[in-house]
């Protein structure tokens, strides 16, 4: 997880700028802006919560984990 720290710090430093890109853009549909802001809220909540960050980014890619990324709806055959 230590490799993510620099990227997370950069996202946090630019958080206000990223939100403003959407919130101040008159060319985007209000519904699109609202759903994007909701996505960004969830993203920032995940990267700034150590437990969520580990769950989302470390597992299932850990060598001692399953080693598999599960794609819902993918036919195994």
Protein backbone atom coordinates (compact mmCIF):
# COMPACT_ATOMS: atom_id res chain seq x y z
CA UNK A 1 0.00 0.00 0.00
CA UNK A 2 2.97 2.31 0.48
CA UNK A 3 3.14 2.74 -3.30
CA UNK A 4 -0.29 4.37 -3.28
CA UNK A 5 0.57 7.05 -0.72
CA UNK A 6 2.11 9.48 -3.20
CA UNK A 7 -0.79 9.15 -5.62
CA UNK A 8 -3.33 9.55 -2.80
CA UNK A 9 -1.53 12.67 -1.58
CA UNK A 10 -1.69 14.14 -5.09
CA UNK A 11 -5.41 13.41 -5.39
CA UNK A 12 -6.00 15.04 -2.00
CA UNK A 13 -3.95 18.11 -2.96
CA UNK A 14 -6.02 18.57 -6.11
CA UNK A 15 -9.42 17.64 -4.66
CA UNK A 16 -10.90 21.15 -4.77
CA UNK A 17 -9.66 21.67 -8.33
CA UNK A 18 -11.14 18.36 -9.49
CA UNK A 19 -14.53 19.16 -7.98
CA UNK A 20 -14.51 22.66 -9.52
CA UNK A 21 -13.95 21.18 -12.98
CA UNK A 22 -17.39 19.64 -12.74
CA UNK A 23 -19.28 22.04 -10.50
CA UNK A 24 -18.40 25.14 -12.52
CA UNK A 25 -18.86 23.68 -15.99
CA UNK A 26 -21.99 25.06 -17.66
CA UNK A 27 -21.66 22.63 -20.56
CA UNK A 28 -22.40 19.56 -18.45
CA UNK A 29 -25.86 18.27 -17.60
CA UNK A 30 -26.85 18.82 -13.95
CA UNK A 31 -27.60 15.10 -13.50
CA UNK A 32 -24.20 14.15 -14.86
CA UNK A 33 -22.51 16.60 -12.49
CA UNK A 34 -24.48 15.22 -9.55
CA UNK A 35 -23.57 11.60 -10.32
CA UNK A 36 -19.92 12.53 -10.89
CA UNK A 37 -19.75 14.38 -7.57
CA UNK A 38 -21.27 11.34 -5.86
CA UNK A 39 -18.59 9.15 -7.52
CA UNK A 40 -15.84 11.54 -6.40
CA UNK A 41 -17.23 11.60 -2.85
CA UNK A 42 -17.07 7.79 -2.73
CA UNK A 43 -13.59 7.77 -4.27
CA UNK A 44 -12.21 10.22 -1.71
CA UNK A 45 -13.95 8.39 1.13
CA UNK A 46 -12.28 5.16 -0.01
CA UNK A 47 -8.75 6.51 -0.48
CA UNK A 48 -8.81 8.35 2.86
CA UNK A 49 -10.14 5.46 4.96
CA UNK A 50 -7.31 2.99 5.65
CA UNK A 51 -9.62 -0.04 5.95
CA UNK A 52 -11.52 0.77 2.76
CA UNK A 53 -8.30 1.55 0.92
CA UNK A 54 -6.83 -1.85 1.81
CA UNK A 55 -10.05 -3.66 0.89
CA UNK A 56 -10.35 -1.95 -2.49
CA UNK A 57 -6.73 -1.69 -3.59
CA UNK A 58 -4.75 -4.38 -1.82
CA UNK A 59 -7.06 -7.36 -1.71
CA UNK A 60 -7.59 -9.31 -4.10
CA UNK A 61 -4.23 -8.50 -5.63
CA UNK A 62 -2.22 -9.62 -2.61
CA UNK A 63 -0.01 -12.61 -3.22
CA UNK A 64 -1.42 -14.24 -0.08
CA UNK A 65 -4.99 -13.46 -1.15
CA UNK A 66 -7.01 -15.15 -3.84
CA UNK A 67 -4.81 -13.66 -6.53
CA UNK A 68 -7.91 -13.14 -8.64
CA UNK A 69 -9.96 -10.16 -9.63
CA UNK A 70 -13.60 -11.22 -9.75
CA UNK A 71 -15.61 -9.74 -12.60
CA UNK A 72 -19.31 -10.05 -11.88
CA UNK A 73 -21.37 -11.59 -14.67
CA UNK A 74 -18.42 -13.07 -16.51
CA UNK A 75 -19.15 -16.57 -17.77
CA UNK A 76 -16.53 -18.99 -16.42
CA UNK A 77 -16.82 -21.30 -19.44
